[in-house]
C-alpha atoms as a PDB file:
ATOM      1  CA  MET A   1     -45.109 -56.440 106.177  1.00  0.00           C
ATOM      2  CA  PRO A   2     -43.594 -58.990 104.127  1.00  0.00           C
ATOM      3  CA  LYS A   3     -41.969 -62.118 105.720  1.00  0.00           C
ATOM      4  CA  TYR A   4     -38.370 -61.784 104.259  1.00  0.00           C
ATOM      5  CA  PHE A   5     -38.299 -58.777 105.808  1.00  0.00           C
ATOM      6  CA  ILE A   6     -38.952 -60.238 109.402  1.00  0.00           C
ATOM      7  CA  PRO A   7     -35.171 -60.820 111.149  1.00  0.00           C
ATOM      8  CA  GLN A   8     -36.288 -63.512 113.317  1.00  0.00           C
ATOM      9  CA  LYS A   9     -37.423 -65.745 110.721  1.00  0.00           C
ATOM     10  CA  ARG A  10     -34.044 -65.719 108.874  1.00  0.00           C
ATOM     11  CA  GLY A  11     -31.204 -68.068 110.000  1.00  0.00           C
ATOM     12  CA  ALA A  12     -28.516 -65.754 109.887  1.00  0.00           C
ATOM     13  CA  HIS A  13     -29.795 -63.353 111.879  1.00  0.00           C
ATOM     14  CA  ARG A  14     -30.981 -66.025 114.592  1.00  0.00           C
ATOM     15  CA  ILE A  15     -27.627 -68.023 114.760  1.00  0.00           C
ATOM     16  CA  ALA A  16     -26.346 -64.202 115.535  1.00  0.00           C
ATOM     17  CA  CYS A  17     -28.318 -63.313 118.298  1.00  0.00           C
ATOM     18  CA  ILE A  18     -28.249 -66.378 119.859  1.00  0.00           C
ATOM     19  CA  ALA A  19     -24.804 -66.631 119.402  1.00  0.00           C
ATOM     20  CA  LEU A  20     -24.554 -63.436 121.683  1.00  0.00           C
ATOM     21  CA  TYR A  21     -27.275 -64.589 124.469  1.00  0.00           C
ATOM     22  CA  ARG A  22     -24.964 -67.763 124.814  1.00  0.00           C
ATOM     23  CA  ALA A  23     -21.924 -65.554 124.863  1.00  0.00           C
ATOM     24  CA  LEU A  24     -23.407 -63.659 127.621  1.00  0.00           C
ATOM     25  CA  LEU A  25     -24.919 -65.893 129.882  1.00  0.00           C
ATOM     26  CA  SER A  26     -21.425 -67.899 130.212  1.00  0.00           C
ATOM     27  CA  LYS A  27     -19.428 -64.862 131.111  1.00  0.00           C
ATOM     28  CA  CYS A  28     -21.971 -63.201 133.062  1.00  0.00           C
ATOM     29  CA  ARG A  29     -20.894 -66.475 135.596  1.00  0.00           C
ATOM     30  CA  LEU A  30     -17.775 -65.347 135.617  1.00  0.00           C
ATOM     31  CA  ILE A  31     -18.083 -61.912 137.376  1.00  0.00           C
ATOM     32  CA  ASP A  32     -18.302 -61.627 140.948  1.00  0.00           C
ATOM     33  CA  ILE A  33     -21.538 -59.861 142.229  1.00  0.00           C
ATOM     34  CA  PRO A  34     -22.099 -58.573 145.806  1.00  0.00           C
ATOM     35  CA  PRO A  35     -25.037 -60.385 147.646  1.00  0.00           C
ATOM     36  CA  SER A  36     -26.528 -56.832 147.880  1.00  0.00           C
ATOM     37  CA  PHE A  37     -27.260 -56.735 144.431  1.00  0.00           C
ATOM     38  CA  HIS A  38     -29.185 -59.969 144.583  1.00  0.00           C
ATOM     39  CA  ARG A  39     -32.873 -59.673 144.455  1.00  0.00           C
ATOM     40  CA  GLY A  40     -34.095 -63.210 143.907  1.00  0.00           C
ATOM     41  CA  GLU A  41     -32.979 -66.776 142.719  1.00  0.00           C
ATOM     42  CA  VAL A  42     -31.375 -65.301 139.223  1.00  0.00           C
ATOM     43  CA  PRO A  43     -28.139 -63.551 139.356  1.00  0.00           C
ATOM     44  CA  PRO A  44     -28.593 -59.949 138.581  1.00  0.00           C
ATOM     45  CA  ILE A  45     -27.037 -59.600 135.388  1.00  0.00           C
ATOM     46  CA  LYS A  46     -27.949 -62.984 133.782  1.00  0.00           C
ATOM     47  CA  TYR A  47     -32.158 -61.523 134.423  1.00  0.00           C
ATOM     48  CA  ILE A  48     -31.300 -58.378 132.725  1.00  0.00           C
ATOM     49  CA  ILE A  49     -29.855 -59.934 129.685  1.00  0.00           C
ATOM     50  CA  ARG A  50     -32.631 -62.537 129.400  1.00  0.00           C
ATOM     51  CA  ARG A  51     -35.138 -59.413 130.107  1.00  0.00           C
ATOM     52  CA  GLN A  52     -33.389 -57.960 127.224  1.00  0.00           C
ATOM     53  CA  PHE A  53     -33.706 -60.449 124.819  1.00  0.00           C
ATOM     54  CA  ARG A  54     -37.608 -61.836 125.554  1.00  0.00           C
ATOM     55  CA  ARG A  55     -38.046 -57.711 124.984  1.00  0.00           C
ATOM     56  CA  ASN A  56     -36.358 -57.442 121.388  1.00  0.00           C
ATOM     57  CA  ALA A  57     -37.530 -60.913 120.722  1.00  0.00           C
ATOM     58  CA  HIS A  58     -40.064 -59.989 118.075  1.00  0.00           C
ATOM     59  CA  VAL A  59     -38.616 -56.321 116.872  1.00  0.00           C
ATOM     60  CA  THR A  60     -38.408 -56.182 113.126  1.00  0.00           C
ATOM     61  CA  SER A  61     -37.058 -52.376 112.572  1.00  0.00           C
ATOM     62  CA  ALA A  62     -33.736 -52.245 111.646  1.00  0.00           C
ATOM     63  CA  PRO A  63     -32.573 -49.294 113.406  1.00  0.00           C
ATOM     64  CA  LEU A  64     -33.859 -50.440 116.808  1.00  0.00           C
ATOM     65  CA  LEU A  65     -32.257 -54.210 115.849  1.00  0.00           C
ATOM     66  CA  VAL A  66     -29.143 -52.776 115.104  1.00  0.00           C
ATOM     67  CA  ALA A  67     -29.040 -50.495 118.171  1.00  0.00           C
ATOM     68  CA  ALA A  68     -29.972 -53.683 120.363  1.00  0.00           C
ATOM     69  CA  LEU A  69     -26.990 -55.623 119.094  1.00  0.00           C
ATOM     70  CA  ARG A  70     -25.004 -52.772 119.500  1.00  0.00           C
ATOM     71  CA  VAL A  71     -25.405 -52.700 122.880  1.00  0.00           C
ATOM     72  CA  GLY A  72     -25.136 -56.392 123.255  1.00  0.00           C
ATOM     73  CA  TYR A  73     -21.876 -56.868 121.752  1.00  0.00           C
ATOM     74  CA  GLU A  74     -20.626 -54.076 124.140  1.00  0.00           C
ATOM     75  CA  ALA A  75     -21.975 -55.870 126.845  1.00  0.00           C
ATOM     76  CA  GLU A  76     -20.083 -58.711 125.551  1.00  0.00           C
ATOM     77  CA  GLU A  77     -17.069 -56.962 125.765  1.00  0.00           C
ATOM     78  CA  LEU A  78     -17.130 -55.145 129.009  1.00  0.00           C
ATOM     79  CA  LEU A  79     -18.130 -58.894 130.962  1.00  0.00           C
ATOM     80  CA  TYR A  80     -14.724 -60.094 129.275  1.00  0.00           C
ATOM     81  CA  THR A  81     -12.810 -57.090 130.172  1.00  0.00           C
ATOM     82  CA  ALA A  82     -14.164 -57.798 134.008  1.00  0.00           C
ATOM     83  CA  SER A  83     -13.450 -61.348 133.913  1.00  0.00           C
ATOM     84  CA  THR A  84     -10.014 -60.671 133.137  1.00  0.00           C
ATOM     85  CA  GLY A  85      -9.983 -58.912 136.572  1.00  0.00           C
ATOM     86  CA  ASP A  86      -9.911 -55.310 134.662  1.00  0.00           C
ATOM     87  CA  GLY A  87     -11.336 -53.484 138.049  1.00  0.00           C
ATOM     88  CA  ALA A  88     -12.621 -50.668 135.952  1.00  0.00           C
ATOM     89  CA  ALA A  89     -14.450 -52.406 133.907  1.00  0.00           C
ATOM     90  CA  HIS A  90     -16.098 -54.431 137.069  1.00  0.00           C
ATOM     91  CA  SER A  91     -17.110 -51.241 138.400  1.00  0.00           C
ATOM     92  CA  LYS A  92     -19.017 -50.327 136.085  1.00  0.00           C
ATOM     93  CA  ILE A  93     -20.604 -53.243 135.933  1.00  0.00           C
ATOM     94  CA  LEU A  94     -21.424 -52.592 139.288  1.00  0.00           C
ATOM     95  CA  GLU A  95     -22.529 -48.634 138.772  1.00  0.00           C
ATOM     96  CA  LEU A  96     -24.931 -50.250 135.908  1.00  0.00           C
ATOM     97  CA  LEU A  97     -26.605 -52.731 137.948  1.00  0.00           C
ATOM     98  CA  ARG A  98     -27.243 -49.641 140.722  1.00  0.00           C
ATOM     99  CA  GLY A  99     -28.786 -47.470 137.908  1.00  0.00           C
ATOM    100  CA  VAL A 100     -30.842 -50.573 136.521  1.00  0.00           C
ATOM    101  CA  GLN A 101     -32.268 -51.580 140.221  1.00  0.00           C
ATOM    102  CA  ALA A 102     -32.499 -47.663 141.023  1.00  0.00           C
ATOM    103  CA  GLU A 103     -34.908 -47.677 138.094  1.00  0.00           C
ATOM    104  CA  GLY A 104     -36.527 -50.213 138.673  1.00  0.00           C
ATOM    105  CA  ASP A 105     -37.411 -49.518 142.625  1.00  0.00           C
ATOM    106  CA  ALA A 106     -38.476 -46.223 141.295  1.00  0.00           C
ATOM    107  CA  ALA A 107     -40.963 -47.571 138.746  1.00  0.00           C
ATOM    108  CA  ARG A 108     -42.360 -50.145 141.223  1.00  0.00           C
ATOM    109  CA  ALA A 109     -42.691 -47.125 143.983  1.00  0.00           C
ATOM    110  CA  GLU A 110     -44.884 -45.341 141.204  1.00  0.00           C
ATOM    111  CA  LYS A 111     -46.719 -48.026 140.562  1.00  0.00           C
ATOM    112  CA  ALA A 112     -47.843 -48.588 143.984  1.00  0.00           C
ATOM    113  CA  LEU A 113     -48.674 -45.056 144.628  1.00  0.00           C
ATOM    114  CA  ASN A 114     -50.740 -44.748 141.490  1.00  0.00           C
ATOM    115  CA  PRO A 115     -52.303 -48.575 140.912  1.00  0.00           C
ATOM    116  CA  PRO A 116     -53.182 -49.169 137.492  1.00  0.00           C
ATOM    117  CA  LEU A 117     -56.922 -48.786 136.299  1.00  0.00           C
ATOM    118  CA  PRO A 118     -59.259 -52.033 136.765  1.00  0.00           C
ATOM    119  CA  PRO A 119     -60.059 -53.326 133.491  1.00  0.00           C
ATOM    120  CA  PRO A 120     -63.236 -52.270 131.818  1.00  0.00           C
ATOM    121  CA  PRO A 121     -66.615 -54.072 132.433  1.00  0.00           C
ATOM    122  CA  PRO A 122     -67.134 -56.892 129.612  1.00  0.00           C
ATOM    123  CA  ALA A 123     -69.289 -55.104 126.651  1.00  0.00           C
ATOM    124  CA  ARG A 124     -73.022 -55.235 127.477  1.00  0.00           C
ATOM    125  CA  LEU A 125     -75.033 -57.103 125.220  1.00  0.00           C
ATOM    126  CA  PRO A 126     -78.603 -56.674 124.610  1.00  0.00           C
ATOM    127  CA  GLU A 127     -80.512 -58.696 127.241  1.00  0.00           C
ATOM    128  CA  PRO A 128     -84.126 -58.645 128.874  1.00  0.00           C
ATOM    129  CA  TYR A 129     -84.799 -56.785 132.161  1.00  0.00           C
ATOM    130  CA  PRO A 130     -84.633 -58.743 135.154  1.00  0.00           C
ATOM    131  CA  GLY A 131     -88.246 -60.258 136.179  1.00  0.00           C
ATOM    132  CA  HIS A 132     -89.918 -58.607 132.996  1.00  0.00           C
ATOM    133  CA  VAL A 133     -92.034 -61.060 131.130  1.00  0.00           C
ATOM    134  CA  PRO A 134     -91.334 -60.809 127.217  1.00  0.00           C
ATOM    135  CA  VAL A 135     -94.260 -59.655 124.762  1.00  0.00           C
ATOM    136  CA  LEU A 136     -94.312 -62.806 122.951  1.00  0.00           C
ATOM    137  CA  GLU A 137     -95.403 -65.045 126.173  1.00  0.00           C
ATOM    138  CA  LYS A 138     -97.703 -62.781 127.615  1.00  0.00           C
ATOM    139  CA  ARG A 139     -99.597 -61.571 124.207  1.00  0.00           C
ATOM    140  CA  PRO A 140    -102.483 -62.019 123.590  1.00  0.00           C
ATOM    141  CA  LEU A 141    -104.092 -60.700 126.795  1.00  0.00           C
ATOM    142  CA  PRO A 142    -106.929 -62.586 128.034  1.00  0.00           C
ATOM    143  CA  LYS A 143    -110.125 -60.656 128.211  1.00  0.00           C
ATOM    144  CA  SER A 144    -110.558 -60.636 132.020  1.00  0.00           C
ATOM    145  CA  GLN A 145    -106.897 -58.621 132.707  1.00  0.00           C
ATOM    146  CA  LEU A 146    -108.388 -55.840 130.197  1.00  0.00           C
ATOM    147  CA  THR A 147    -109.631 -52.747 131.836  1.00  0.00           C
ATOM    148  CA  GLY A 148    -111.231 -51.670 128.369  1.00  0.00           C
ATOM    149  CA  ARG A 149    -111.438 -52.096 124.771  1.00  0.00           C
ATOM    150  CA  ARG A 150    -108.461 -54.339 123.155  1.00  0.00           C
ATOM    151  CA  HIS A 151    -106.448 -52.012 121.530  1.00  0.00           C
ATOM    152  CA  VAL A 152    -104.616 -54.402 118.611  1.00  0.00           C
ATOM    153  CA  PRO A 153    -100.352 -53.667 118.262  1.00  0.00           C
ATOM    154  CA  PHE A 154     -98.829 -52.556 115.527  1.00  0.00           C
ATOM    155  CA  LEU A 155     -95.898 -54.784 114.028  1.00  0.00           C
ATOM    156  CA  VAL A 156     -93.545 -52.210 112.878  1.00  0.00           C
ATOM    157  CA  SER A 157     -89.693 -52.629 112.144  1.00  0.00           C
ATOM    158  CA  ALA A 158     -87.171 -50.106 113.324  1.00  0.00           C
ATOM    159  CA  ASN A 159     -83.999 -50.923 110.909  1.00  0.00           C
ATOM    160  CA  LYS A 160     -84.805 -54.730 110.154  1.00  0.00           C
ATOM    161  CA  ILE A 161     -85.394 -54.845 113.966  1.00  0.00           C
ATOM    162  CA  PRO A 162     -89.303 -56.147 114.045  1.00  0.00           C
ATOM    163  CA  PHE A 163     -91.275 -54.627 117.385  1.00  0.00           C
ATOM    164  CA  LEU A 164     -94.845 -54.302 118.766  1.00  0.00           C
ATOM    165  CA  ARG A 165     -96.116 -50.962 119.444  1.00  0.00           C
ATOM    166  CA  ILE A 166     -98.384 -51.526 121.402  1.00  0.00           C
ATOM    167  CA  LYS A 167     -98.892 -47.968 122.847  1.00  0.00           C
ATOM    168  CA  LYS A 168     -97.896 -44.485 123.220  1.00  0.00           C
ATOM    169  CA  PRO A 169     -95.388 -42.981 124.683  1.00  0.00           C
ATOM    170  CA  GLN A 170     -92.473 -45.984 123.668  1.00  0.00           C
ATOM    171  CA  ASN A 171     -91.177 -47.977 126.545  1.00  0.00           C
ATOM    172  CA  GLU A 172     -87.566 -46.634 127.156  1.00  0.00           C
ATOM    173  CA  PHE A 173     -87.160 -50.368 127.951  1.00  0.00           C
ATOM    174  CA  LEU A 174     -87.938 -51.052 124.413  1.00  0.00           C
ATOM    175  CA  SER A 175     -86.112 -48.047 122.917  1.00  0.00           C
ATOM    176  CA  ARG A 176     -82.725 -49.571 124.715  1.00  0.00           C
ATOM    177  CA  ILE A 177     -83.071 -53.105 123.497  1.00  0.00           C
ATOM    178  CA  ILE A 178     -83.763 -51.270 119.764  1.00  0.00           C
ATOM    179  CA  ARG A 179     -80.690 -49.241 119.987  1.00  0.00           C
ATOM    180  CA  ASP A 180     -78.459 -52.319 121.024  1.00  0.00           C
ATOM    181  CA  LYS A 181     -79.181 -54.198 118.560  1.00  0.00           C
ATOM    182  CA  ILE A 182     -78.325 -51.623 116.171  1.00  0.00           C
ATOM    183  CA  LYS A 183     -75.468 -50.361 117.518  1.00  0.00           C
ATOM    184  CA  LEU A 184     -74.414 -54.210 117.982  1.00  0.00           C
ATOM    185  CA  ARG A 185     -74.944 -54.834 113.904  1.00  0.00           C
ATOM    186  CA  GLN A 186     -73.515 -51.643 113.099  1.00  0.00           C
ATOM    187  CA  ARG A 187     -69.962 -52.488 115.358  1.00  0.00           C
ATOM    188  CA  ARG A 188     -70.080 -55.529 112.766  1.00  0.00           C
ATOM    189  CA  MET A 189     -70.950 -54.067 109.223  1.00  0.00           C
ATOM    190  CA  ASP A 190     -68.110 -51.779 110.302  1.00  0.00           C
ATOM    191  CA  ALA A 191     -65.662 -54.722 111.090  1.00  0.00           C
ATOM    192  CA  ILE A 192     -66.542 -56.530 107.562  1.00  0.00           C
ATOM    193  CA  GLU A 193     -65.702 -53.222 106.130  1.00  0.00           C
ATOM    194  CA  LYS A 194     -62.288 -53.345 108.111  1.00  0.00           C
ATOM    195  CA  MET A 195     -61.496 -56.780 106.660  1.00  0.00           C
ATOM    196  CA  ASP A 196     -62.659 -56.223 103.427  1.00  0.00           C
ATOM    197  CA  GLY A 197     -59.967 -53.950 103.450  1.00  0.00           C
ATOM    198  CA  GLN A 198     -57.501 -56.439 105.250  1.00  0.00           C
ATOM    199  CA  LEU A 199     -58.231 -58.885 102.262  1.00  0.00           C
ATOM    200  CA  ASP A 200     -57.622 -56.175  99.860  1.00  0.00           C
ATOM    201  CA  MET A 201     -54.263 -55.749 100.990  1.00  0.00           C
ATOM    202  CA  ALA A 202     -53.214 -59.577 101.809  1.00  0.00           C
ATOM    203  CA  SER A 203     -54.512 -60.716  98.260  1.00  0.00           C
ATOM    204  CA  TRP A 204     -51.472 -57.980  96.969  1.00  0.00           C
ATOM    205  CA  GLU A 205     -48.658 -59.278  99.417  1.00  0.00           C
ATOM    206  CA  GLN A 206     -49.702 -62.792  97.990  1.00  0.00           C
ATOM    207  CA  GLU A 207     -49.609 -61.717  94.392  1.00  0.00           C
ATOM    208  CA  TRP A 208     -45.905 -59.940  95.327  1.00  0.00           C
ATOM    209  CA  ASP A 209     -44.770 -63.353  97.385  1.00  0.00           C
ATOM    210  CA  ASP A 210     -45.848 -65.239  94.084  1.00  0.00           C
ATOM    211  CA  HIS A 211     -43.777 -63.156  92.083  1.00  0.00           C
ATOM    212  CA  LEU A 212     -40.725 -63.553  94.133  1.00  0.00           C
ATOM    213  CA  GLY A 213     -41.621 -67.107  94.777  1.00  0.00           C
ATOM    214  CA  MET A 214     -41.608 -67.067  98.272  1.00  0.00           C
ATOM    215  CA  ALA A 215     -45.059 -67.961  98.492  1.00  0.00           C
ATOM    216  CA  ASP A 216     -46.325 -70.452 101.531  1.00  0.00           C
ATOM    217  CA  GLU A 217     -48.773 -73.072 101.932  1.00  0.00           C
ATOM    218  CA  ARG A 218     -50.922 -70.801 103.956  1.00  0.00           C
ATOM    219  CA  HIS A 219     -52.536 -67.445 102.529  1.00  0.00           C
ATOM    220  CA  TRP A 220     -52.045 -64.396 103.515  1.00  0.00           C
ATOM    221  CA  GLY A 221     -55.868 -63.460 103.828  1.00  0.00           C
ATOM    222  CA  THR A 222     -57.036 -66.750 105.652  1.00  0.00           C
ATOM    223  CA  THR A 223     -57.146 -65.643 109.010  1.00  0.00           C
ATOM    224  CA  THR A 224     -58.901 -62.497 108.168  1.00  0.00           C
ATOM    225  CA  HIS A 225     -61.228 -64.753 106.019  1.00  0.00           C
ATOM    226  CA  VAL A 226     -62.214 -66.680 108.918  1.00  0.00           C
ATOM    227  CA  GLU A 227     -62.739 -63.437 110.872  1.00  0.00           C
ATOM    228  CA  ARG A 228     -64.932 -62.429 108.333  1.00  0.00           C
ATOM    229  CA  LYS A 229     -67.067 -65.538 108.173  1.00  0.00           C
ATOM    230  CA  LEU A 230     -67.466 -65.514 111.954  1.00  0.00           C
ATOM    231  CA  VAL A 231     -69.371 -62.088 111.953  1.00  0.00           C
ATOM    232  CA  GLU A 232     -71.022 -62.859 108.674  1.00  0.00           C
ATOM    233  CA  ASN A 233     -72.304 -65.748 110.431  1.00  0.00           C
ATOM    234  CA  LYS A 234     -73.373 -64.119 113.767  1.00  0.00           C
ATOM    235  CA  MET A 235     -75.219 -61.529 111.174  1.00  0.00           C
ATOM    236  CA  GLU A 236     -77.065 -64.139 109.527  1.00  0.00           C
ATOM    237  CA  ALA A 237     -77.948 -65.680 112.753  1.00  0.00           C
ATOM    238  CA  SER A 238     -79.383 -62.482 114.005  1.00  0.00           C
ATOM    239  CA  ALA A 239     -81.559 -62.055 110.564  1.00  0.00           C
ATOM    240  CA  ASN A 240     -82.857 -65.022 111.124  1.00  0.00           C
ATOM    241  CA  GLU A 241     -83.861 -64.803 114.468  1.00  0.00           C
ATOM    242  CA  ASN A 242     -85.466 -61.176 113.597  1.00  0.00           C
ATOM    243  CA  ALA A 243     -86.901 -63.221 110.888  1.00  0.00           C
ATOM    244  CA  ALA A 244     -88.643 -65.779 113.335  1.00  0.00           C
ATOM    245  CA  VAL A 245     -89.500 -62.986 116.122  1.00  0.00           C
ATOM    246  CA  ALA A 246     -90.987 -60.983 113.042  1.00  0.00           C
ATOM    247  CA  LYS A 247     -93.344 -64.123 112.437  1.00  0.00           C
ATOM    248  CA  LYS A 248     -94.334 -64.734 115.966  1.00  0.00           C
ATOM    249  CA  MET A 249     -95.674 -61.247 116.208  1.00  0.00           C
ATOM    250  CA  LEU A 250     -97.875 -61.286 113.366  1.00  0.00           C
ATOM    251  CA  ALA A 251     -99.166 -64.361 114.694  1.00  0.00           C
ATOM    252  CA  ILE A 252     -99.830 -61.821 117.674  1.00  0.00           C
ATOM    253  CA  VAL A 253    -101.129 -59.242 115.718  1.00  0.00           C
ATOM    254  CA  ASP A 254    -103.581 -61.345 113.701  1.00  0.00           C
ATOM    255  CA  GLU A 255    -105.287 -63.098 117.307  1.00  0.00           C
ATOM    256  CA  GLU A 256    -105.087 -59.961 118.638  1.00  0.00           C
ATOM    257  CA  GLN A 257    -107.082 -58.351 115.691  1.00  0.00           C
ATOM    258  CA  ARG A 258    -109.876 -61.890 115.796  1.00  0.00           C
ATOM    259  CA  LEU A 259    -110.340 -61.609 119.351  1.00  0.00           C
ATOM    260  CA  ALA A 260    -110.954 -57.447 119.170  1.00  0.00           C
ATOM    261  CA  ASP A 261    -113.421 -58.261 116.630  1.00  0.00           C
ATOM    262  CA  ILE A 262    -115.038 -60.826 118.684  1.00  0.00           C
ATOM    263  CA  GLU A 263    -115.291 -59.039 121.645  1.00  0.00           C
ATOM    264  CA  LYS A 264    -116.386 -55.592 119.662  1.00  0.00           C
ATOM    265  CA  LYS A 265    -119.418 -57.878 118.200  1.00  0.00           C
ATOM    266  CA  GLU A 266    -120.056 -59.200 121.955  1.00  0.00           C
ATOM    267  CA  TRP A 267    -119.997 -55.648 122.769  1.00  0.00           C
ATOM    268  CA  LEU A 268    -122.663 -54.261 120.084  1.00  0.00           C
ATOM    269  CA  ARG A 269    -124.366 -57.007 120.932  1.00  0.00           C
ATOM    270  CA  GLU A 270    -124.747 -56.181 124.558  1.00  0.00           C
ATOM    271  CA  LYS A 271    -125.360 -52.428 123.769  1.00  0.00           C
ATOM    272  CA  ARG A 272    -128.327 -53.554 121.551  1.00  0.00           C
ATOM    273  CA  LYS A 273    -129.381 -55.831 124.521  1.00  0.00           C
ATOM    274  CA  ARG A 274    -129.221 -52.784 126.892  1.00  0.00           C
ATOM    275  CA  TYR A 275    -130.997 -50.644 124.255  1.00  0.00           C
ATOM    276  CA  ARG A 276    -134.070 -52.637 123.883  1.00  0.00           C
ATOM    277  CA  GLN A 277    -134.151 -53.296 127.410  1.00  0.00           C
ATOM    278  CA  ARG A 278    -134.378 -49.466 128.235  1.00  0.00           C
ATOM    279  CA  LYS A 279    -137.136 -49.040 125.006  1.00  0.00           C
ATOM    280  CA  ARG A 280    -139.149 -51.959 126.935  1.00  0.00           C
ATOM    281  CA  GLU A 281    -138.916 -50.148 130.253  1.00  0.00           C
ATOM    282  CA  ARG A 282    -139.869 -46.857 128.504  1.00  0.00           C
ATOM    283  CA  ASP A 283    -142.786 -48.612 126.678  1.00  0.00           C
ATOM    284  CA  GLU A 284    -144.109 -50.016 129.720  1.00  0.00           C
ATOM    285  CA  ALA A 285    -143.668 -47.127 131.944  1.00  0.00           C
ATOM    286  CA  LEU A 286    -146.065 -45.350 129.075  1.00  0.00           C
ATOM    287  CA  GLN A 287    -148.457 -47.889 129.411  1.00  0.00           C
ATOM    288  CA  GLU A 288    -149.268 -47.188 133.092  1.00  0.00           C
ATOM    289  CA  LEU A 289    -149.520 -43.544 132.875  1.00  0.00           C
ATOM    290  CA  PRO A 290    -153.415 -42.321 133.685  1.00  0.00           C
ATOM    291  CA  LYS A 291    -155.423 -41.860 130.544  1.00  0.00           C
ATOM    292  CA  PHE A 292    -157.210 -38.873 130.050  1.00  0.00           C
END
């Protein structure tokens, strides 16, 4: 909304509201209120006046402002009449106080019976499982920890998120991490798209202010531009992190392949050695057979 529609920034409106506020406070001190109406250190009429002005401090709707000012001027007239000794006006003030306090008591009783829900827990960010050793730290495994032949993992990408596919079926923990990262990146992309629309609206508002000669030094889209830049920086940092992780994973794949080739050569050498040993034993057994 253009700033010339914001009443609290217009001098005439502020002067009128401050004058009404001071008039109400000055007259509420002249009203005799029974002690049974006092609920705290602040007198009840003064408390209600302050509360209503705080509630309406940021109202920008013209109908709501007109209604609030009408109520304020009627209250000022009622207080003035009661301060002059009018019994009917004084009785009306006490009746209004009873109604306001009864509403407050009912609201507090309902709140006590139906306490508000606890705040939602903070959003869970992707994090490693407790006690889990990352693959980048424990791979490649030494030969002593293998139960069979070494299987070289595959470096694959899921929506530009690199990971090592070691075996099937895929680990549920790995699936959760990939899913959380994809959702986080999608939320950031949605936020950037939303802020792009806000920047377009801000540029239109700025053009309108420039046309009217009411432009400030600060651009309408400054805050949105800063927030968009922060989201872009987070996405860039995440992309750089994925690239660094992909390089480490590629190094692991290369090292696993190198070890697999070495172990395969050793296995073939041992296999040929066992074959020659069996052949030698078979030949010796044939030589020991009697000749007819």
